[in-house]
Every structure is written in C-alpha cells, then in structure tokens.
PDB file of all heavy atoms in Angstrom:
ATOM      1  N   PRO A   1       2.332-310.485-159.799  1.00  0.00           N
ATOM      2  CA  PRO A   1       2.566-309.908-158.524  1.00  0.00           C
ATOM      3  C   PRO A   1       1.306-309.185-158.070  1.00  0.00           C
ATOM      4  O   PRO A   1       0.520-308.565-158.896  1.00  0.00           O
ATOM      5  CB  PRO A   1       3.697-308.958-158.701  1.00  0.00           C
ATOM      6  CG  PRO A   1       4.441-309.542-159.940  1.00  0.00           C
ATOM      7  CD  PRO A   1       3.266-310.087-160.745  1.00  0.00           C
ATOM      8  N   ILE A   2       1.087-309.068-156.753  1.00  0.00           N
ATOM      9  CA  ILE A   2      -0.137-308.374-156.221  1.00  0.00           C
ATOM     10  C   ILE A   2       0.300-307.318-155.287  1.00  0.00           C
ATOM     11  O   ILE A   2       1.089-307.639-154.310  1.00  0.00           O
ATOM     12  CB  ILE A   2      -1.041-309.452-155.546  1.00  0.00           C
ATOM     13  CG1 ILE A   2      -1.553-310.398-156.498  1.00  0.00           C
ATOM     14  CG2 ILE A   2      -2.274-308.716-154.891  1.00  0.00           C
ATOM     15  CD1 ILE A   2      -2.327-311.648-155.903  1.00  0.00           C
ATOM     16  N   LEU A   3      -0.255-306.165-155.341  1.00  0.00           N
ATOM     17  CA  LEU A   3      -0.131-305.105-154.325  1.00  0.00           C
ATOM     18  C   LEU A   3      -1.487-304.861-153.644  1.00  0.00           C
ATOM     19  O   LEU A   3      -2.439-304.698-154.411  1.00  0.00           O
ATOM     20  CB  LEU A   3       0.398-303.860-154.943  1.00  0.00           C
ATOM     21  CG  LEU A   3       0.370-302.520-154.084  1.00  0.00           C
ATOM     22  CD1 LEU A   3       1.291-302.596-152.867  1.00  0.00           C
ATOM     23  CD2 LEU A   3       0.534-301.292-154.885  1.00  0.00           C
ATOM     24  N   VAL A   4      -1.461-304.785-152.301  1.00  0.00           N
ATOM     25  CA  VAL A   4      -2.752-304.423-151.707  1.00  0.00           C
ATOM     26  C   VAL A   4      -2.721-302.910-151.637  1.00  0.00           C
ATOM     27  O   VAL A   4      -2.018-302.350-150.826  1.00  0.00           O
ATOM     28  CB  VAL A   4      -2.815-305.017-150.317  1.00  0.00           C
ATOM     29  CG1 VAL A   4      -4.131-304.506-149.592  1.00  0.00           C
ATOM     30  CG2 VAL A   4      -2.857-306.514-150.303  1.00  0.00           C
ATOM     31  N   GLY A   5      -3.370-302.291-152.648  1.00  0.00           N
ATOM     32  CA  GLY A   5      -3.255-300.847-152.858  1.00  0.00           C
ATOM     33  C   GLY A   5      -4.028-299.979-151.829  1.00  0.00           C
ATOM     34  O   GLY A   5      -3.671-298.879-151.615  1.00  0.00           O
ATOM     35  N   GLU A   6      -5.052-300.594-151.253  1.00  0.00           N
ATOM     36  CA  GLU A   6      -5.801-299.857-150.207  1.00  0.00           C
ATOM     37  C   GLU A   6      -6.242-300.869-149.126  1.00  0.00           C
ATOM     38  O   GLU A   6      -6.917-301.898-149.461  1.00  0.00           O
ATOM     39  CB  GLU A   6      -6.973-299.097-150.778  1.00  0.00           C
ATOM     40  CG  GLU A   6      -6.650-297.774-151.366  1.00  0.00           C
ATOM     41  CD  GLU A   6      -7.930-297.011-151.745  1.00  0.00           C
ATOM     42  OE1 GLU A   6      -9.021-297.489-151.386  1.00  0.00           O
ATOM     43  OE2 GLU A   6      -7.765-295.969-152.387  1.00  0.00           O
ATOM     44  N   VAL A   7      -5.934-300.688-147.959  1.00  0.00           N
ATOM     45  CA  VAL A   7      -6.472-301.438-146.824  1.00  0.00           C
ATOM     46  C   VAL A   7      -6.445-300.507-145.553  1.00  0.00           C
ATOM     47  O   VAL A   7      -5.542-299.735-145.332  1.00  0.00           O
ATOM     48  CB  VAL A   7      -5.583-302.752-146.544  1.00  0.00           C
ATOM     49  CG1 VAL A   7      -4.209-302.249-146.211  1.00  0.00           C
ATOM     50  CG2 VAL A   7      -6.203-303.558-145.562  1.00  0.00           C
ATOM     51  N   GLY A   8      -7.615-300.540-144.793  1.00  0.00           N
ATOM     52  CA  GLY A   8      -7.642-299.673-143.776  1.00  0.00           C
ATOM     53  C   GLY A   8      -8.957-299.767-143.019  1.00  0.00           C
ATOM     54  O   GLY A   8      -9.799-300.627-143.312  1.00  0.00           O
ATOM     55  N   TRP A   9      -9.223-298.876-142.159  1.00  0.00           N
ATOM     56  CA  TRP A   9     -10.480-298.838-141.282  1.00  0.00           C
ATOM     57  C   TRP A   9     -10.800-297.440-140.884  1.00  0.00           C
ATOM     58  O   TRP A   9      -9.876-296.649-140.544  1.00  0.00           O
ATOM     59  CB  TRP A   9     -10.306-299.776-140.047  1.00  0.00           C
ATOM     60  CG  TRP A   9     -11.531-300.153-139.467  1.00  0.00           C
ATOM     61  CD1 TRP A   9     -12.267-299.609-138.506  1.00  0.00           C
ATOM     62  CD2 TRP A   9     -12.236-301.365-139.811  1.00  0.00           C
ATOM     63  NE1 TRP A   9     -13.433-300.284-138.129  1.00  0.00           N
ATOM     64  CE2 TRP A   9     -13.371-301.419-138.967  1.00  0.00           C
ATOM     65  CE3 TRP A   9     -12.082-302.374-140.758  1.00  0.00           C
ATOM     66  CZ2 TRP A   9     -14.383-302.422-139.071  1.00  0.00           C
ATOM     67  CZ3 TRP A   9     -13.009-303.434-140.786  1.00  0.00           C
ATOM     68  CH2 TRP A   9     -14.147-303.444-139.917  1.00  0.00           C
ATOM     69  N   PRO A  10     -12.059-297.002-140.944  1.00  0.00           N
ATOM     70  CA  PRO A  10     -12.431-295.649-140.587  1.00  0.00           C
ATOM     71  C   PRO A  10     -12.569-295.508-139.002  1.00  0.00           C
ATOM     72  O   PRO A  10     -12.916-296.398-138.299  1.00  0.00           O
ATOM     73  CB  PRO A  10     -13.761-295.421-141.174  1.00  0.00           C
ATOM     74  CG  PRO A  10     -14.411-296.837-141.240  1.00  0.00           C
ATOM     75  CD  PRO A  10     -13.178-297.768-141.407  1.00  0.00           C
ATOM     76  N   THR A  11     -12.246-294.366-138.566  1.00  0.00           N
ATOM     77  CA  THR A  11     -12.248-294.011-137.098  1.00  0.00           C
ATOM     78  C   THR A  11     -13.599-293.383-136.599  1.00  0.00           C
ATOM     79  O   THR A  11     -13.906-293.252-135.414  1.00  0.00           O
ATOM     80  CB  THR A  11     -11.172-293.142-136.646  1.00  0.00           C
ATOM     81  OG1 THR A  11     -11.127-291.896-137.406  1.00  0.00           O
ATOM     82  CG2 THR A  11      -9.783-293.845-136.768  1.00  0.00           C
ATOM     83  N   ALA A  12     -14.394-292.998-137.556  1.00  0.00           N
ATOM     84  CA  ALA A  12     -15.742-292.365-137.283  1.00  0.00           C
ATOM     85  C   ALA A  12     -16.693-292.628-138.326  1.00  0.00           C
ATOM     86  O   ALA A  12     -16.304-292.883-139.568  1.00  0.00           O
ATOM     87  CB  ALA A  12     -15.524-290.883-136.965  1.00  0.00           C
ATOM     88  N   GLY A  13     -17.912-292.379-138.136  1.00  0.00           N
ATOM     89  CA  GLY A  13     -19.010-292.734-139.106  1.00  0.00           C
ATOM     90  C   GLY A  13     -19.869-293.813-138.717  1.00  0.00           C
ATOM     91  O   GLY A  13     -19.805-294.430-137.712  1.00  0.00           O
ATOM     92  N   ARG A  14     -20.831-294.196-139.595  1.00  0.00           N
ATOM     93  CA  ARG A  14     -21.853-295.139-139.273  1.00  0.00           C
ATOM     94  C   ARG A  14     -21.336-296.541-139.209  1.00  0.00           C
ATOM     95  O   ARG A  14     -20.327-296.950-139.950  1.00  0.00           O
ATOM     96  CB  ARG A  14     -22.954-295.146-140.342  1.00  0.00           C
ATOM     97  CG  ARG A  14     -22.544-295.173-141.759  1.00  0.00           C
ATOM     98  CD  ARG A  14     -23.688-295.645-142.636  1.00  0.00           C
ATOM     99  NE  ARG A  14     -24.135-296.918-142.349  1.00  0.00           N
ATOM    100  CZ  ARG A  14     -25.451-297.418-142.522  1.00  0.00           C
ATOM    101  NH1 ARG A  14     -26.338-296.631-142.896  1.00  0.00           N
ATOM    102  NH2 ARG A  14     -25.676-298.661-142.175  1.00  0.00           N
ATOM    103  N   THR A  15     -21.970-297.398-138.511  1.00  0.00           N
ATOM    104  CA  THR A  15     -21.612-298.823-138.446  1.00  0.00           C
ATOM    105  C   THR A  15     -22.283-299.551-139.657  1.00  0.00           C
ATOM    106  O   THR A  15     -23.350-299.140-140.053  1.00  0.00           O
ATOM    107  CB  THR A  15     -22.227-299.476-137.084  1.00  0.00           C
ATOM    108  OG1 THR A  15     -21.477-298.833-136.017  1.00  0.00           O
ATOM    109  CG2 THR A  15     -21.949-301.029-137.076  1.00  0.00           C
ATOM    110  N   ARG A  16     -21.567-300.507-140.162  1.00  0.00           N
ATOM    111  CA  ARG A  16     -22.113-301.310-141.299  1.00  0.00           C
ATOM    112  C   ARG A  16     -22.218-302.820-140.921  1.00  0.00           C
ATOM    113  O   ARG A  16     -21.053-303.370-140.831  1.00  0.00           O
ATOM    114  CB  ARG A  16     -21.385-301.165-142.596  1.00  0.00           C
ATOM    115  CG  ARG A  16     -21.258-299.705-143.186  1.00  0.00           C
ATOM    116  CD  ARG A  16     -20.691-299.673-144.526  1.00  0.00           C
ATOM    117  NE  ARG A  16     -21.622-300.260-145.547  1.00  0.00           N
ATOM    118  CZ  ARG A  16     -21.334-301.302-146.323  1.00  0.00           C
ATOM    119  NH1 ARG A  16     -20.281-302.025-146.116  1.00  0.00           N
ATOM    120  NH2 ARG A  16     -22.273-301.756-147.177  1.00  0.00           N
ATOM    121  N   GLY A  17     -23.315-303.318-140.584  1.00  0.00           N
ATOM    122  CA  GLY A  17     -23.357-304.654-140.099  1.00  0.00           C
ATOM    123  C   GLY A  17     -22.470-304.813-138.833  1.00  0.00           C
ATOM    124  O   GLY A  17     -22.614-304.042-137.917  1.00  0.00           O
ATOM    125  N   PRO A  18     -21.580-305.785-138.760  1.00  0.00           N
ATOM    126  CA  PRO A  18     -20.700-305.995-137.692  1.00  0.00           C
ATOM    127  C   PRO A  18     -19.460-305.042-137.757  1.00  0.00           C
ATOM    128  O   PRO A  18     -18.653-305.043-136.826  1.00  0.00           O
ATOM    129  CB  PRO A  18     -20.260-307.442-137.766  1.00  0.00           C
ATOM    130  CG  PRO A  18     -20.244-307.688-139.283  1.00  0.00           C
ATOM    131  CD  PRO A  18     -21.398-306.911-139.765  1.00  0.00           C
ATOM    132  N   ALA A  19     -19.361-304.282-138.821  1.00  0.00           N
ATOM    133  CA  ALA A  19     -18.264-303.432-138.915  1.00  0.00           C
ATOM    134  C   ALA A  19     -18.408-302.011-138.257  1.00  0.00           C
ATOM    135  O   ALA A  19     -19.024-301.050-138.736  1.00  0.00           O
ATOM    136  CB  ALA A  19     -17.890-303.149-140.466  1.00  0.00           C
ATOM    137  N   GLU A  20     -17.903-301.950-137.032  1.00  0.00           N
ATOM    138  CA  GLU A  20     -18.011-300.748-136.222  1.00  0.00           C
ATOM    139  C   GLU A  20     -16.818-299.871-136.367  1.00  0.00           C
ATOM    140  O   GLU A  20     -15.699-300.246-136.263  1.00  0.00           O
ATOM    141  CB  GLU A  20     -18.254-301.148-134.735  1.00  0.00           C
ATOM    142  CG  GLU A  20     -19.492-301.872-134.534  1.00  0.00           C
ATOM    143  CD  GLU A  20     -19.640-302.215-132.925  1.00  0.00           C
ATOM    144  OE1 GLU A  20     -18.925-301.630-132.223  1.00  0.00           O
ATOM    145  OE2 GLU A  20     -20.485-303.133-132.692  1.00  0.00           O
ATOM    146  N   THR A  21     -17.067-298.540-136.614  1.00  0.00           N
ATOM    147  CA  THR A  21     -15.957-297.610-136.807  1.00  0.00           C
ATOM    148  C   THR A  21     -15.473-297.253-135.343  1.00  0.00           C
ATOM    149  O   THR A  21     -16.084-297.582-134.400  1.00  0.00           O
ATOM    150  CB  THR A  21     -16.386-296.300-137.496  1.00  0.00           C
ATOM    151  OG1 THR A  21     -17.416-295.691-136.589  1.00  0.00           O
ATOM    152  CG2 THR A  21     -16.998-296.645-138.824  1.00  0.00           C
ATOM    153  N   GLY A  22     -14.352-296.579-135.299  1.00  0.00           N
ATOM    154  CA  GLY A  22     -13.800-296.210-134.073  1.00  0.00           C
ATOM    155  C   GLY A  22     -12.276-296.210-134.004  1.00  0.00           C
ATOM    156  O   GLY A  22     -11.628-296.963-134.718  1.00  0.00           O
ATOM    157  N   LEU A  23     -11.777-295.481-133.054  1.00  0.00           N
ATOM    158  CA  LEU A  23     -10.302-295.402-132.879  1.00  0.00           C
ATOM    159  C   LEU A  23      -9.668-296.778-132.568  1.00  0.00           C
ATOM    160  O   LEU A  23      -8.704-297.119-133.094  1.00  0.00           O
ATOM    161  CB  LEU A  23      -9.960-294.320-131.878  1.00  0.00           C
ATOM    162  CG  LEU A  23      -8.462-293.823-131.895  1.00  0.00           C
ATOM    163  CD1 LEU A  23      -8.146-293.266-133.233  1.00  0.00           C
ATOM    164  CD2 LEU A  23      -8.334-292.807-130.808  1.00  0.00           C
ATOM    165  N   VAL A  24     -10.215-297.427-131.544  1.00  0.00           N
ATOM    166  CA  VAL A  24      -9.641-298.702-131.180  1.00  0.00           C
ATOM    167  C   VAL A  24      -9.776-299.688-132.252  1.00  0.00           C
ATOM    168  O   VAL A  24      -8.847-300.449-132.469  1.00  0.00           O
ATOM    169  CB  VAL A  24     -10.433-299.199-129.840  1.00  0.00           C
ATOM    170  CG1 VAL A  24      -9.996-300.620-129.544  1.00  0.00           C
ATOM    171  CG2 VAL A  24     -10.041-298.346-128.698  1.00  0.00           C
ATOM    172  N   ASN A  25     -10.857-299.732-132.969  1.00  0.00           N
ATOM    173  CA  ASN A  25     -11.048-300.651-133.990  1.00  0.00           C
ATOM    174  C   ASN A  25     -10.093-300.381-135.176  1.00  0.00           C
ATOM    175  O   ASN A  25      -9.606-301.332-135.711  1.00  0.00           O
ATOM    176  CB  ASN A  25     -12.527-300.712-134.544  1.00  0.00           C
ATOM    177  CG  ASN A  25     -13.441-301.564-133.738  1.00  0.00           C
ATOM    178  OD1 ASN A  25     -12.999-302.464-132.916  1.00  0.00           O
ATOM    179  ND2 ASN A  25     -14.783-301.415-133.883  1.00  0.00           N
ATOM    180  N   LYS A  26      -9.816-299.160-135.384  1.00  0.00           N
ATOM    181  CA  LYS A  26      -8.904-298.882-136.477  1.00  0.00           C
ATOM    182  C   LYS A  26      -7.541-299.298-136.093  1.00  0.00           C
ATOM    183  O   LYS A  26      -6.700-299.934-136.830  1.00  0.00           O
ATOM    184  CB  LYS A  26      -8.807-297.397-136.813  1.00  0.00           C
ATOM    185  CG  LYS A  26      -7.770-297.109-137.934  1.00  0.00           C
ATOM    186  CD  LYS A  26      -7.808-295.568-138.269  1.00  0.00           C
ATOM    187  CE  LYS A  26      -6.767-295.378-139.412  1.00  0.00           C
ATOM    188  NZ  LYS A  26      -7.306-295.878-140.658  1.00  0.00           N
ATOM    189  N   ALA A  27      -7.100-299.057-134.880  1.00  0.00           N
ATOM    190  CA  ALA A  27      -5.828-299.466-134.335  1.00  0.00           C
ATOM    191  C   ALA A  27      -5.672-300.978-134.340  1.00  0.00           C
ATOM    192  O   ALA A  27      -4.665-301.555-134.771  1.00  0.00           O
ATOM    193  CB  ALA A  27      -5.593-298.887-132.948  1.00  0.00           C
ATOM    194  N   ARG A  28      -6.703-301.674-133.943  1.00  0.00           N
ATOM    195  CA  ARG A  28      -6.646-303.143-133.876  1.00  0.00           C
ATOM    196  C   ARG A  28      -6.634-303.721-135.304  1.00  0.00           C
ATOM    197  O   ARG A  28      -5.753-304.640-135.583  1.00  0.00           O
ATOM    198  CB  ARG A  28      -7.942-303.653-133.277  1.00  0.00           C
ATOM    199  CG  ARG A  28      -8.021-303.420-131.769  1.00  0.00           C
ATOM    200  CD  ARG A  28      -9.337-303.884-131.255  1.00  0.00           C
ATOM    201  NE  ARG A  28      -9.698-305.263-131.539  1.00  0.00           N
ATOM    202  CZ  ARG A  28     -10.829-305.776-131.764  1.00  0.00           C
ATOM    203  NH1 ARG A  28     -11.885-304.945-131.775  1.00  0.00           N
ATOM    204  NH2 ARG A  28     -11.015-307.100-132.053  1.00  0.00           N
ATOM    205  N   PHE A  29      -7.355-302.994-136.223  1.00  0.00           N
ATOM    206  CA  PHE A  29      -7.304-303.578-137.626  1.00  0.00           C
ATOM    207  C   PHE A  29      -5.915-303.403-138.253  1.00  0.00           C
ATOM    208  O   PHE A  29      -5.381-304.299-138.873  1.00  0.00           O
ATOM    209  CB  PHE A  29      -8.368-302.833-138.467  1.00  0.00           C
ATOM    210  CG  PHE A  29      -8.318-303.295-139.940  1.00  0.00           C
ATOM    211  CD1 PHE A  29      -9.068-304.330-140.415  1.00  0.00           C
ATOM    212  CD2 PHE A  29      -7.600-302.507-140.841  1.00  0.00           C
ATOM    213  CE1 PHE A  29      -9.035-304.717-141.650  1.00  0.00           C
ATOM    214  CE2 PHE A  29      -7.567-302.885-142.116  1.00  0.00           C
ATOM    215  CZ  PHE A  29      -8.325-303.961-142.641  1.00  0.00           C
ATOM    216  N   VAL A  30      -5.320-302.193-138.155  1.00  0.00           N
ATOM    217  CA  VAL A  30      -4.042-301.913-138.784  1.00  0.00           C
ATOM    218  C   VAL A  30      -3.021-302.753-138.150  1.00  0.00           C
ATOM    219  O   VAL A  30      -2.174-303.292-138.814  1.00  0.00           O
ATOM    220  CB  VAL A  30      -3.756-300.419-138.767  1.00  0.00           C
ATOM    221  CG1 VAL A  30      -2.401-300.131-139.313  1.00  0.00           C
ATOM    222  CG2 VAL A  30      -4.746-299.546-139.528  1.00  0.00           C
ATOM    223  N   ASN A  31      -3.107-302.937-136.901  1.00  0.00           N
ATOM    224  CA  ASN A  31      -2.104-303.699-136.203  1.00  0.00           C
ATOM    225  C   ASN A  31      -2.175-305.158-136.645  1.00  0.00           C
ATOM    226  O   ASN A  31      -1.138-305.830-136.929  1.00  0.00           O
ATOM    227  CB  ASN A  31      -2.333-303.625-134.637  1.00  0.00           C
ATOM    228  CG  ASN A  31      -1.312-304.388-133.859  1.00  0.00           C
ATOM    229  OD1 ASN A  31      -1.464-305.569-133.728  1.00  0.00           O
ATOM    230  ND2 ASN A  31      -0.345-303.727-133.267  1.00  0.00           N
ATOM    231  N   LEU A  32      -3.431-305.677-136.722  1.00  0.00           N
ATOM    232  CA  LEU A  32      -3.618-307.016-137.168  1.00  0.00           C
ATOM    233  C   LEU A  32      -3.140-307.172-138.642  1.00  0.00           C
ATOM    234  O   LEU A  32      -2.445-308.165-138.948  1.00  0.00           O
ATOM    235  CB  LEU A  32      -5.089-307.300-137.038  1.00  0.00           C
ATOM    236  CG  LEU A  32      -5.653-308.644-137.652  1.00  0.00           C
ATOM    237  CD1 LEU A  32      -6.904-309.107-136.908  1.00  0.00           C
ATOM    238  CD2 LEU A  32      -6.026-308.599-139.135  1.00  0.00           C
ATOM    239  N   PHE A  33      -3.463-306.270-139.457  1.00  0.00           N
ATOM    240  CA  PHE A  33      -3.057-306.424-140.923  1.00  0.00           C
ATOM    241  C   PHE A  33      -1.572-306.334-141.040  1.00  0.00           C
ATOM    242  O   PHE A  33      -1.003-307.028-141.942  1.00  0.00           O
ATOM    243  CB  PHE A  33      -3.695-305.298-141.721  1.00  0.00           C
ATOM    244  CG  PHE A  33      -3.324-305.436-143.312  1.00  0.00           C
ATOM    245  CD1 PHE A  33      -3.940-306.353-144.007  1.00  0.00           C
ATOM    246  CD2 PHE A  33      -2.360-304.658-143.626  1.00  0.00           C
ATOM    247  CE1 PHE A  33      -3.501-306.411-145.397  1.00  0.00           C
ATOM    248  CE2 PHE A  33      -1.876-304.729-144.988  1.00  0.00           C
ATOM    249  CZ  PHE A  33      -2.496-305.616-145.811  1.00  0.00           C
ATOM    250  N   VAL A  34      -0.903-305.499-140.413  1.00  0.00           N
ATOM    251  CA  VAL A  34       0.500-305.276-140.603  1.00  0.00           C
ATOM    252  C   VAL A  34       1.232-306.600-140.182  1.00  0.00           C
ATOM    253  O   VAL A  34       2.242-307.029-140.819  1.00  0.00           O
ATOM    254  CB  VAL A  34       1.144-304.122-139.729  1.00  0.00           C
ATOM    255  CG1 VAL A  34       2.682-304.134-139.675  1.00  0.00           C
ATOM    256  CG2 VAL A  34       0.613-302.834-140.362  1.00  0.00           C
ATOM    257  N   ARG A  35       0.854-307.136-139.044  1.00  0.00           N
ATOM    258  CA  ARG A  35       1.401-308.425-138.610  1.00  0.00           C
ATOM    259  C   ARG A  35       1.055-309.617-139.629  1.00  0.00           C
ATOM    260  O   ARG A  35       1.869-310.469-139.853  1.00  0.00           O
ATOM    261  CB  ARG A  35       0.929-308.820-137.242  1.00  0.00           C
ATOM    262  CG  ARG A  35       1.543-307.962-136.197  1.00  0.00           C
ATOM    263  CD  ARG A  35       1.225-308.455-134.683  1.00  0.00           C
ATOM    264  NE  ARG A  35      -0.147-307.967-134.350  1.00  0.00           N
ATOM    265  CZ  ARG A  35      -1.089-308.855-134.150  1.00  0.00           C
ATOM    266  NH1 ARG A  35      -0.898-310.117-134.414  1.00  0.00           N
ATOM    267  NH2 ARG A  35      -2.226-308.422-133.747  1.00  0.00           N
TER     268      ARG A  35
END
C-alpha cells in the first residue's frame, strides 16, 4: 500500500524553473491533485 504523505504547493517564495509560487497556483495544484 502507498500513502502520498506530502503533496502541496507554496504560495510565496522564489520560482524554480517553471514552478511558480502563488496563491492561484497553489489553489490550482491542490484542486487538480484532489480530483
């Protein structure tokens, strides 16, 4: 059995490559992952 023990996205801080932080991006990511 597998548990995804941590999954998320930061709302502030530096960008890493194409990974941009931000409130909208966090909401989109969590919404996408839950579905």
